[in-house]
Protein backbone atom coordinates (compact mmCIF):
# COMPACT_ATOMS: atom_id res chain seq x y z
CA MET A 1 96.74 112.72 107.92
CA PRO A 2 98.99 109.68 108.19
CA LEU A 3 102.71 109.97 107.49
CA LEU A 4 104.28 107.56 104.99
CA PHE A 5 108.06 107.33 104.99
CA SER A 6 109.71 106.32 101.72
CA TYR A 7 113.34 105.46 101.17
CA GLY A 8 112.79 104.01 97.70
CA THR A 9 110.56 104.03 94.65
CA LEU A 10 107.61 105.79 96.30
CA GLN A 11 109.78 108.92 96.11
CA GLN A 12 109.77 108.75 92.28
CA ASP A 13 107.39 111.15 90.51
CA ASP A 14 106.29 108.49 87.98
CA VAL A 15 105.49 105.98 90.75
CA GLN A 16 103.55 108.60 92.73
CA LEU A 17 101.49 109.59 89.69
CA ALA A 18 100.74 105.95 88.83
CA THR A 19 99.96 104.97 92.43
CA PHE A 20 98.29 108.07 93.88
CA GLY A 21 97.31 110.12 90.82
CA ARG A 22 99.27 113.08 92.15
CA LEU A 23 102.72 114.16 93.30
CA LEU A 24 103.16 113.93 97.06
CA SER A 25 104.56 116.69 99.25
CA GLY A 26 107.03 115.66 101.91
CA GLU A 27 110.03 116.48 104.06
CA ALA A 28 113.45 114.84 104.25
CA ASP A 29 113.85 112.61 107.30
CA ALA A 30 115.55 109.37 108.29
CA LEU A 31 114.35 105.99 109.55
CA VAL A 32 116.04 105.04 112.83
CA GLY A 33 117.16 101.52 113.72
CA TYR A 34 117.01 100.00 110.23
CA ALA A 35 119.60 98.97 107.63
CA GLN A 36 118.99 98.99 103.86
CA THR A 37 119.63 96.33 101.20
CA MET A 38 118.01 95.48 97.85
CA VAL A 39 115.30 92.98 96.87
CA ARG A 40 114.47 91.59 93.40
CA ILE A 41 110.95 92.50 92.26
CA GLU A 42 109.11 89.81 90.26
CA ASP A 43 105.77 91.66 89.87
CA ALA A 44 105.68 92.95 86.26
CA GLU A 45 103.22 95.75 87.09
CA VAL A 46 105.44 97.10 89.88
CA VAL A 47 108.52 96.86 87.65
CA ALA A 48 106.63 98.75 84.91
CA LYS A 49 105.67 101.54 87.35
CA SER A 50 109.13 101.90 88.88
CA GLY A 51 111.28 101.02 85.89
CA LYS A 52 113.43 98.89 88.20
CA THR A 53 113.80 95.14 88.82
CA HIS A 54 115.48 95.68 92.21
CA HIS A 55 114.09 97.94 94.93
CA PRO A 56 115.56 99.08 98.23
CA ILE A 57 114.28 97.28 101.32
CA VAL A 58 115.01 97.86 104.99
CA ALA A 59 115.27 95.47 107.92
CA TRP A 60 115.17 96.18 111.65
CA SER A 61 118.68 96.28 113.10
CA GLY A 62 117.79 97.66 116.52
CA ARG A 63 120.83 99.97 116.45
CA ASP A 64 120.05 103.67 116.91
CA ALA A 65 123.15 104.52 114.85
CA ASP A 66 121.61 102.82 111.77
CA ARG A 67 119.74 105.38 109.70
CA VAL A 68 118.06 105.22 106.29
CA ALA A 69 117.52 108.55 104.52
CA GLY A 70 114.23 109.23 102.79
CA THR A 71 111.12 111.39 102.73
CA ALA A 72 108.10 111.58 105.06
CA PHE A 73 104.93 112.25 103.05
CA GLU A 74 101.49 113.25 104.30
CA VAL A 75 98.97 110.91 102.68
CA SER A 76 95.29 110.16 103.02
CA ASP A 77 93.97 106.82 104.25
CA ALA A 78 92.98 106.01 100.64
CA GLU A 79 96.52 106.78 99.46
CA LEU A 80 97.93 104.56 102.19
CA ALA A 81 95.71 101.75 100.87
CA ALA A 82 97.01 102.47 97.34
CA ALA A 83 100.59 102.19 98.63
CA ASP A 84 99.67 98.84 100.24
CA ALA A 85 98.45 97.63 96.84
CA TYR A 86 101.66 98.82 95.14
CA GLU A 87 104.07 97.06 97.50
CA VAL A 88 104.83 93.37 96.91
CA ALA A 89 104.69 90.58 99.52
CA ALA A 90 108.36 91.08 100.47
CA TYR A 91 107.30 94.25 102.29
CA LYS A 92 105.20 94.74 105.41
CA ARG A 93 103.90 98.12 106.59
CA VAL A 94 104.83 99.02 110.17
CA ALA A 95 104.89 102.18 112.29
CA ALA A 96 108.48 103.25 112.88
CA PRO A 97 110.39 106.12 114.53
CA LEU A 98 111.99 108.83 112.42
CA ALA A 99 115.01 110.97 113.28
CA SER A 100 112.70 114.01 113.53
CA GLY A 101 110.88 112.40 116.46
CA ARG A 102 107.79 111.68 114.39
CA THR A 103 106.39 108.20 113.74
CA ALA A 104 105.48 107.15 110.21
CA TRP A 105 104.24 104.14 108.32
CA VAL A 106 107.09 102.48 106.44
CA TYR A 107 107.44 99.34 104.33
CA VAL A 108 110.06 96.99 105.78
CA ASP A 109 111.33 93.49 105.02
CA ALA A 110 108.39 91.23 105.91
CA ARG A 111 110.75 88.47 107.05
CA GLY A 112 112.24 90.54 109.85
CA ALA A 113 109.57 93.07 110.74
CA PRO A 114 109.64 94.10 114.40
């Protein structure tokens, strides 16, 4: 099963239920080489699911010392497609290294994706 790393709203129970129809099981981990900021969300459906107008977003920094805490979830290919549909155009899905040594899919700032 693919790993999906979330540092933001995909960790919320209500977003998981609305997006995947179930609560995900995952382990704490950290994204390596990225720094986190916030982005304004204009999509009313995404705001309704998350309850937030601003979501965290990460950008590649290239510095190993930069870490973003989050959760690595095991998801199916269909659930990965559902996550793609949930995320707005500001995000791009890439494979990225985690502190645990694993690699996971993660949504990063589309303007600076590696």
